[in-house]
Amino acid sequence: MGLLTTIVTLPLAPLRGVISLAEVIKRRVDEELADPAAVRRQLEAAEEAREAGEISAEEETEIQQHVLQRLGANEKER
């Protein structure tokens, strides 16, 4: 029965591979978004951009809120 199942499901092998790859990518992205070092870099980059005059204080606040909301959303999923 194992050989028959393998032969019948063989055309689905590429699909299983793509699904597996997507799961690995999603897990890696979730880890990166929740990484405290990455969050800190994003917040520091926003602060540096405001200090350099590239963005306004309001835009910096929006970026901070977005980063923190994303971090909070990732924590809720866990």
PDB file of N, CA and C in Angstrom:
ATOM      1  N   MET A   1       0.825  -1.194   0.000  1.00  0.00           N
ATOM      2  CA  MET A   1       0.000   0.000   0.000  1.00  0.00           C
ATOM      3  C   MET A   1       0.864   1.250   0.000  1.00  0.00           C
ATOM      4  N   GLY A   2       2.046   1.210   0.603  1.00  0.00           N
ATOM      5  CA  GLY A   2       2.926   2.365   0.660  1.00  0.00           C
ATOM      6  C   GLY A   2       3.386   2.799  -0.723  1.00  0.00           C
ATOM      7  N   LEU A   3       3.719   1.838  -1.572  1.00  0.00           N
ATOM      8  CA  LEU A   3       4.163   2.160  -2.924  1.00  0.00           C
ATOM      9  C   LEU A   3       3.037   2.781  -3.733  1.00  0.00           C
ATOM     10  N   LEU A   4       1.848   2.242  -3.610  1.00  0.00           N
ATOM     11  CA  LEU A   4       0.696   2.777  -4.326  1.00  0.00           C
ATOM     12  C   LEU A   4       0.393   4.213  -3.876  1.00  0.00           C
ATOM     13  N   THR A   5       0.431   4.439  -2.572  1.00  0.00           N
ATOM     14  CA  THR A   5       0.175   5.785  -2.043  1.00  0.00           C
ATOM     15  C   THR A   5       1.228   6.765  -2.562  1.00  0.00           C
ATOM     16  N   THR A   6       2.483   6.332  -2.590  1.00  0.00           N
ATOM     17  CA  THR A   6       3.562   7.187  -3.088  1.00  0.00           C
ATOM     18  C   THR A   6       3.340   7.549  -4.551  1.00  0.00           C
ATOM     19  N   ILE A   7       2.970   6.584  -5.340  1.00  0.00           N
ATOM     20  CA  ILE A   7       2.744   6.820  -6.773  1.00  0.00           C
ATOM     21  C   ILE A   7       1.560   7.762  -6.986  1.00  0.00           C
ATOM     22  N   VAL A   8       0.490   7.558  -6.235  1.00  0.00           N
ATOM     23  CA  VAL A   8      -0.710   8.378  -6.403  1.00  0.00           C
ATOM     24  C   VAL A   8      -0.467   9.807  -5.940  1.00  0.00           C
ATOM     25  N   THR A   9       0.278   9.978  -4.860  1.00  0.00           N
ATOM     26  CA  THR A   9       0.483  11.329  -4.309  1.00  0.00           C
ATOM     27  C   THR A   9       1.719  12.022  -4.866  1.00  0.00           C
ATOM     28  N   LEU A  10       2.477  11.371  -5.732  1.00  0.00           N
ATOM     29  CA  LEU A  10       3.680  11.956  -6.305  1.00  0.00           C
ATOM     30  C   LEU A  10       3.429  13.297  -7.000  1.00  0.00           C
ATOM     31  N   PRO A  11       2.344  13.460  -7.759  1.00  0.00           N
ATOM     32  CA  PRO A  11       2.117  14.764  -8.388  1.00  0.00           C
ATOM     33  C   PRO A  11       1.919  15.908  -7.377  1.00  0.00           C
ATOM     34  N   LEU A  12       1.594  15.584  -6.135  1.00  0.00           N
ATOM     35  CA  LEU A  12       1.395  16.614  -5.122  1.00  0.00           C
ATOM     36  C   LEU A  12       2.695  17.009  -4.411  1.00  0.00           C
ATOM     37  N   ALA A  13       3.790  16.319  -4.699  1.00  0.00           N
ATOM     38  CA  ALA A  13       5.056  16.580  -4.019  1.00  0.00           C
ATOM     39  C   ALA A  13       5.515  18.038  -4.176  1.00  0.00           C
ATOM     40  N   PRO A  14       5.452  18.630  -5.362  1.00  0.00           N
ATOM     41  CA  PRO A  14       5.868  20.036  -5.464  1.00  0.00           C
ATOM     42  C   PRO A  14       5.004  20.964  -4.603  1.00  0.00           C
ATOM     43  N   LEU A  15       3.734  20.677  -4.529  1.00  0.00           N
ATOM     44  CA  LEU A  15       2.836  21.494  -3.705  1.00  0.00           C
ATOM     45  C   LEU A  15       3.197  21.371  -2.235  1.00  0.00           C
ATOM     46  N   ARG A  16       3.481  20.158  -1.788  1.00  0.00           N
ATOM     47  CA  ARG A  16       3.897  19.968  -0.392  1.00  0.00           C
ATOM     48  C   ARG A  16       5.200  20.706  -0.118  1.00  0.00           C
ATOM     49  N   GLY A  17       6.097  20.723  -1.080  1.00  0.00           N
ATOM     50  CA  GLY A  17       7.357  21.446  -0.940  1.00  0.00           C
ATOM     51  C   GLY A  17       7.146  22.939  -0.816  1.00  0.00           C
ATOM     52  N   VAL A  18       6.262  23.486  -1.631  1.00  0.00           N
ATOM     53  CA  VAL A  18       5.959  24.918  -1.575  1.00  0.00           C
ATOM     54  C   VAL A  18       5.305  25.278  -0.245  1.00  0.00           C
ATOM     55  N   ILE A  19       4.395  24.452   0.210  1.00  0.00           N
ATOM     56  CA  ILE A  19       3.730  24.702   1.501  1.00  0.00           C
ATOM     57  C   ILE A  19       4.751  24.667   2.630  1.00  0.00           C
ATOM     58  N   SER A  20       5.639  23.710   2.593  1.00  0.00           N
ATOM     59  CA  SER A  20       6.674  23.605   3.621  1.00  0.00           C
ATOM     60  C   SER A  20       7.581  24.835   3.605  1.00  0.00           C
ATOM     61  N   LEU A  21       7.969  25.271   2.424  1.00  0.00           N
ATOM     62  CA  LEU A  21       8.803  26.468   2.297  1.00  0.00           C
ATOM     63  C   LEU A  21       8.078  27.697   2.819  1.00  0.00           C
ATOM     64  N   ALA A  22       6.798  27.832   2.518  1.00  0.00           N
ATOM     65  CA  ALA A  22       6.017  28.969   3.005  1.00  0.00           C
ATOM     66  C   ALA A  22       5.942  28.972   4.526  1.00  0.00           C
ATOM     67  N   GLU A  23       5.817  27.808   5.125  1.00  0.00           N
ATOM     68  CA  GLU A  23       5.780  27.721   6.590  1.00  0.00           C
ATOM     69  C   GLU A  23       7.107  28.148   7.201  1.00  0.00           C
ATOM     70  N   VAL A  24       8.208  27.755   6.581  1.00  0.00           N
ATOM     71  CA  VAL A  24       9.533  28.151   7.068  1.00  0.00           C
ATOM     72  C   VAL A  24       9.706  29.663   6.952  1.00  0.00           C
ATOM     73  N   ILE A  25       9.304  30.234   5.831  1.00  0.00           N
ATOM     74  CA  ILE A  25       9.422  31.677   5.624  1.00  0.00           C
ATOM     75  C   ILE A  25       8.567  32.430   6.629  1.00  0.00           C
ATOM     76  N   LYS A  26       7.349  31.983   6.840  1.00  0.00           N
ATOM     77  CA  LYS A  26       6.462  32.654   7.803  1.00  0.00           C
ATOM     78  C   LYS A  26       7.047  32.614   9.204  1.00  0.00           C
ATOM     79  N   ARG A  27       7.563  31.464   9.586  1.00  0.00           N
ATOM     80  CA  ARG A  27       8.162  31.339  10.918  1.00  0.00           C
ATOM     81  C   ARG A  27       9.353  32.290  11.068  1.00  0.00           C
ATOM     82  N   ARG A  28      10.178  32.403  10.034  1.00  0.00           N
ATOM     83  CA  ARG A  28      11.353  33.290  10.077  1.00  0.00           C
ATOM     84  C   ARG A  28      10.928  34.751  10.140  1.00  0.00           C
ATOM     85  N   VAL A  29       9.925  35.135   9.375  1.00  0.00           N
ATOM     86  CA  VAL A  29       9.429  36.519   9.404  1.00  0.00           C
ATOM     87  C   VAL A  29       8.855  36.843  10.771  1.00  0.00           C
ATOM     88  N   ASP A  30       8.094  35.941  11.343  1.00  0.00           N
ATOM     89  CA  ASP A  30       7.538  36.165  12.682  1.00  0.00           C
ATOM     90  C   ASP A  30       8.643  36.343  13.714  1.00  0.00           C
ATOM     91  N   GLU A  31       9.694  35.529  13.604  1.00  0.00           N
ATOM     92  CA  GLU A  31      10.818  35.662  14.528  1.00  0.00           C
ATOM     93  C   GLU A  31      11.499  37.016  14.371  1.00  0.00           C
ATOM     94  N   GLU A  32      11.679  37.444  13.133  1.00  0.00           N
ATOM     95  CA  GLU A  32      12.340  38.724  12.866  1.00  0.00           C
ATOM     96  C   GLU A  32      11.506  39.898  13.368  1.00  0.00           C
ATOM     97  N   LEU A  33      10.199  39.830  13.168  1.00  0.00           N
ATOM     98  CA  LEU A  33       9.341  40.924  13.618  1.00  0.00           C
ATOM     99  C   LEU A  33       9.287  41.024  15.133  1.00  0.00           C
ATOM    100  N   ALA A  34       9.428  39.900  15.818  1.00  0.00           N
ATOM    101  CA  ALA A  34       9.356  39.888  17.273  1.00  0.00           C
ATOM    102  C   ALA A  34      10.725  40.046  17.928  1.00  0.00           C
ATOM    103  N   ASP A  35      11.782  40.075  17.123  1.00  0.00           N
ATOM    104  CA  ASP A  35      13.136  40.188  17.654  1.00  0.00           C
ATOM    105  C   ASP A  35      13.343  41.562  18.277  1.00  0.00           C
ATOM    106  N   PRO A  36      13.655  41.625  19.570  1.00  0.00           N
ATOM    107  CA  PRO A  36      13.840  42.929  20.229  1.00  0.00           C
ATOM    108  C   PRO A  36      14.925  43.780  19.577  1.00  0.00           C
ATOM    109  N   ALA A  37      15.965  43.148  19.067  1.00  0.00           N
ATOM    110  CA  ALA A  37      17.032  43.909  18.418  1.00  0.00           C
ATOM    111  C   ALA A  37      16.530  44.578  17.130  1.00  0.00           C
ATOM    112  N   ALA A  38      15.702  43.864  16.376  1.00  0.00           N
ATOM    113  CA  ALA A  38      15.154  44.436  15.142  1.00  0.00           C
ATOM    114  C   ALA A  38      14.213  45.592  15.457  1.00  0.00           C
ATOM    115  N   VAL A  39      13.399  45.439  16.497  1.00  0.00           N
ATOM    116  CA  VAL A  39      12.480  46.505  16.903  1.00  0.00           C
ATOM    117  C   VAL A  39      13.280  47.723  17.325  1.00  0.00           C
ATOM    118  N   ARG A  40      14.311  47.493  18.091  1.00  0.00           N
ATOM    119  CA  ARG A  40      15.157  48.602  18.554  1.00  0.00           C
ATOM    120  C   ARG A  40      15.802  49.333  17.365  1.00  0.00           C
ATOM    121  N   ARG A  41      16.297  48.574  16.378  1.00  0.00           N
ATOM    122  CA  ARG A  41      16.913  49.190  15.187  1.00  0.00           C
ATOM    123  C   ARG A  41      15.906  50.054  14.442  1.00  0.00           C
ATOM    124  N   GLN A  42      14.668  49.572  14.317  1.00  0.00           N
ATOM    125  CA  GLN A  42      13.655  50.353  13.612  1.00  0.00           C
ATOM    126  C   GLN A  42      13.332  51.639  14.352  1.00  0.00           C
ATOM    127  N   LEU A  43      13.221  51.552  15.664  1.00  0.00           N
ATOM    128  CA  LEU A  43      12.929  52.745  16.455  1.00  0.00           C
ATOM    129  C   LEU A  43      14.100  53.725  16.417  1.00  0.00           C
ATOM    130  N   GLU A  44      15.318  53.214  16.489  1.00  0.00           N
ATOM    131  CA  GLU A  44      16.497  54.079  16.406  1.00  0.00           C
ATOM    132  C   GLU A  44      16.618  54.723  15.032  1.00  0.00           C
ATOM    133  N   ALA A  45      16.291  53.992  13.979  1.00  0.00           N
ATOM    134  CA  ALA A  45      16.347  54.546  12.625  1.00  0.00           C
ATOM    135  C   ALA A  45      15.340  55.681  12.472  1.00  0.00           C
ATOM    136  N   ALA A  46      14.157  55.513  13.054  1.00  0.00           N
ATOM    137  CA  ALA A  46      13.148  56.582  12.988  1.00  0.00           C
ATOM    138  C   ALA A  46      13.641  57.811  13.741  1.00  0.00           C
ATOM    139  N   GLU A  47      14.248  57.608  14.892  1.00  0.00           N
ATOM    140  CA  GLU A  47      14.764  58.734  15.676  1.00  0.00           C
ATOM    141  C   GLU A  47      15.879  59.456  14.922  1.00  0.00           C
ATOM    142  N   GLU A  48      16.788  58.699  14.321  1.00  0.00           N
ATOM    143  CA  GLU A  48      17.876  59.303  13.557  1.00  0.00           C
ATOM    144  C   GLU A  48      17.345  60.078  12.353  1.00  0.00           C
ATOM    145  N   ALA A  49      16.321  59.544  11.691  1.00  0.00           N
ATOM    146  CA  ALA A  49      15.734  60.238  10.541  1.00  0.00           C
ATOM    147  C   ALA A  49      15.102  61.558  10.969  1.00  0.00           C
ATOM    148  N   ARG A  50      14.441  61.558  12.137  1.00  0.00           N
ATOM    149  CA  ARG A  50      13.846  62.805  12.627  1.00  0.00           C
ATOM    150  C   ARG A  50      14.936  63.799  12.981  1.00  0.00           C
ATOM    151  N   GLU A  51      15.987  63.353  13.639  1.00  0.00           N
ATOM    152  CA  GLU A  51      17.086  64.245  14.008  1.00  0.00           C
ATOM    153  C   GLU A  51      17.783  64.823  12.787  1.00  0.00           C
ATOM    154  N   ALA A  52      17.834  64.048  11.705  1.00  0.00           N
ATOM    155  CA  ALA A  52      18.457  64.512  10.468  1.00  0.00           C
ATOM    156  C   ALA A  52      17.513  65.386   9.646  1.00  0.00           C
ATOM    157  N   GLY A  53      16.271  65.515  10.093  1.00  0.00           N
ATOM    158  CA  GLY A  53      15.302  66.337   9.388  1.00  0.00           C
ATOM    159  C   GLY A  53      14.636  65.650   8.216  1.00  0.00           C
ATOM    160  N   GLU A  54      14.807  64.360   8.108  1.00  0.00           N
ATOM    161  CA  GLU A  54      14.219  63.606   6.999  1.00  0.00           C
ATOM    162  C   GLU A  54      12.728  63.368   7.198  1.00  0.00           C
ATOM    163  N   ILE A  55      12.315  63.255   8.463  1.00  0.00           N
ATOM    164  CA  ILE A  55      10.895  63.077   8.776  1.00  0.00           C
ATOM    165  C   ILE A  55      10.528  64.011   9.924  1.00  0.00           C
ATOM    166  N   SER A  56       9.245  64.267  10.075  1.00  0.00           N
ATOM    167  CA  SER A  56       8.775  65.133  11.159  1.00  0.00           C
ATOM    168  C   SER A  56       8.590  64.324  12.440  1.00  0.00           C
ATOM    169  N   ALA A  57       8.376  65.027  13.532  1.00  0.00           N
ATOM    170  CA  ALA A  57       8.140  64.363  14.815  1.00  0.00           C
ATOM    171  C   ALA A  57       6.862  63.533  14.759  1.00  0.00           C
ATOM    172  N   GLU A  58       5.856  64.015  14.028  1.00  0.00           N
ATOM    173  CA  GLU A  58       4.599  63.269  13.902  1.00  0.00           C
ATOM    174  C   GLU A  58       4.824  61.960  13.142  1.00  0.00           C
ATOM    175  N   GLU A  59       5.640  62.031  12.091  1.00  0.00           N
ATOM    176  CA  GLU A  59       5.927  60.816  11.323  1.00  0.00           C
ATOM    177  C   GLU A  59       6.711  59.818  12.175  1.00  0.00           C
ATOM    178  N   GLU A  60       7.623  60.335  12.998  1.00  0.00           N
ATOM    179  CA  GLU A  60       8.365  59.449  13.890  1.00  0.00           C
ATOM    180  C   GLU A  60       7.416  58.758  14.864  1.00  0.00           C
ATOM    181  N   THR A  61       6.470  59.511  15.394  1.00  0.00           N
ATOM    182  CA  THR A  61       5.493  58.936  16.323  1.00  0.00           C
ATOM    183  C   THR A  61       4.661  57.861  15.634  1.00  0.00           C
ATOM    184  N   GLU A  62       4.260  58.110  14.392  1.00  0.00           N
ATOM    185  CA  GLU A  62       3.490  57.120  13.638  1.00  0.00           C
ATOM    186  C   GLU A  62       4.299  55.835  13.435  1.00  0.00           C
ATOM    187  N   ILE A  63       5.588  56.002  13.107  1.00  0.00           N
ATOM    188  CA  ILE A  63       6.451  54.836  12.906  1.00  0.00           C
ATOM    189  C   ILE A  63       6.573  54.058  14.209  1.00  0.00           C
ATOM    190  N   GLN A  64       6.777  54.767  15.308  1.00  0.00           N
ATOM    191  CA  GLN A  64       6.890  54.109  16.610  1.00  0.00           C
ATOM    192  C   GLN A  64       5.621  53.325  16.934  1.00  0.00           C
ATOM    193  N   GLN A  65       4.482  53.954  16.712  1.00  0.00           N
ATOM    194  CA  GLN A  65       3.215  53.282  17.010  1.00  0.00           C
ATOM    195  C   GLN A  65       3.038  52.044  16.139  1.00  0.00           C
ATOM    196  N   HIS A  66       3.389  52.169  14.862  1.00  0.00           N
ATOM    197  CA  HIS A  66       3.253  51.034  13.943  1.00  0.00           C
ATOM    198  C   HIS A  66       4.139  49.870  14.391  1.00  0.00           C
ATOM    199  N   VAL A  67       5.383  50.164  14.740  1.00  0.00           N
ATOM    200  CA  VAL A  67       6.318  49.119  15.173  1.00  0.00           C
ATOM    201  C   VAL A  67       5.807  48.440  16.440  1.00  0.00           C
ATOM    202  N   LEU A  68       5.352  49.236  17.393  1.00  0.00           N
ATOM    203  CA  LEU A  68       4.875  48.680  18.654  1.00  0.00           C
ATOM    204  C   LEU A  68       3.572  47.898  18.478  1.00  0.00           C
ATOM    205  N   GLN A  69       2.695  48.361  17.582  1.00  0.00           N
ATOM    206  CA  GLN A  69       1.466  47.613  17.307  1.00  0.00           C
ATOM    207  C   GLN A  69       1.790  46.261  16.688  1.00  0.00           C
ATOM    208  N   ARG A  70       2.727  46.261  15.754  1.00  0.00           N
ATOM    209  CA  ARG A  70       3.134  45.015  15.109  1.00  0.00           C
ATOM    210  C   ARG A  70       3.744  44.067  16.131  1.00  0.00           C
ATOM    211  N   LEU A  71       4.549  44.607  17.047  1.00  0.00           N
ATOM    212  CA  LEU A  71       5.142  43.792  18.100  1.00  0.00           C
ATOM    213  C   LEU A  71       4.042  43.223  18.999  1.00  0.00           C
ATOM    214  N   GLY A  72       3.048  44.037  19.350  1.00  0.00           N
ATOM    215  CA  GLY A  72       1.938  43.580  20.174  1.00  0.00           C
ATOM    216  C   GLY A  72       1.109  42.514  19.480  1.00  0.00           C
ATOM    217  N   ALA A  73       0.914  42.661  18.171  1.00  0.00           N
ATOM    218  CA  ALA A  73       0.156  41.661  17.404  1.00  0.00           C
ATOM    219  C   ALA A  73       0.896  40.330  17.388  1.00  0.00           C
ATOM    220  N   ASN A  74       2.209  40.381  17.271  1.00  0.00           N
ATOM    221  CA  ASN A  74       2.987  39.138  17.270  1.00  0.00           C
ATOM    222  C   ASN A  74       2.931  38.468  18.640  1.00  0.00           C
ATOM    223  N   GLU A  75       2.905  39.242  19.695  1.00  0.00           N
ATOM    224  CA  GLU A  75       2.838  38.660  21.036  1.00  0.00           C
ATOM    225  C   GLU A  75       1.483  37.980  21.268  1.00  0.00           C
ATOM    226  N   LYS A  76       0.413  38.554  20.727  1.00  0.00           N
ATOM    227  CA  LYS A  76      -0.920  37.976  20.895  1.00  0.00           C
ATOM    228  C   LYS A  76      -1.036  36.640  20.168  1.00  0.00           C
ATOM    229  N   GLU A  77      -0.338  36.499  19.032  1.00  0.00           N
ATOM    230  CA  GLU A  77      -0.397  35.275  18.246  1.00  0.00           C
ATOM    231  C   GLU A  77       0.281  34.113  18.942  1.00  0.00           C
ATOM    232  N   ARG A  78       1.191  34.393  19.834  1.00  0.00           N
ATOM    233  CA  ARG A  78       1.970  33.328  20.494  1.00  0.00           C
ATOM    234  C   ARG A  78       1.212  32.709  21.589  1.00  0.00           C
TER     235      ARG A  78
END
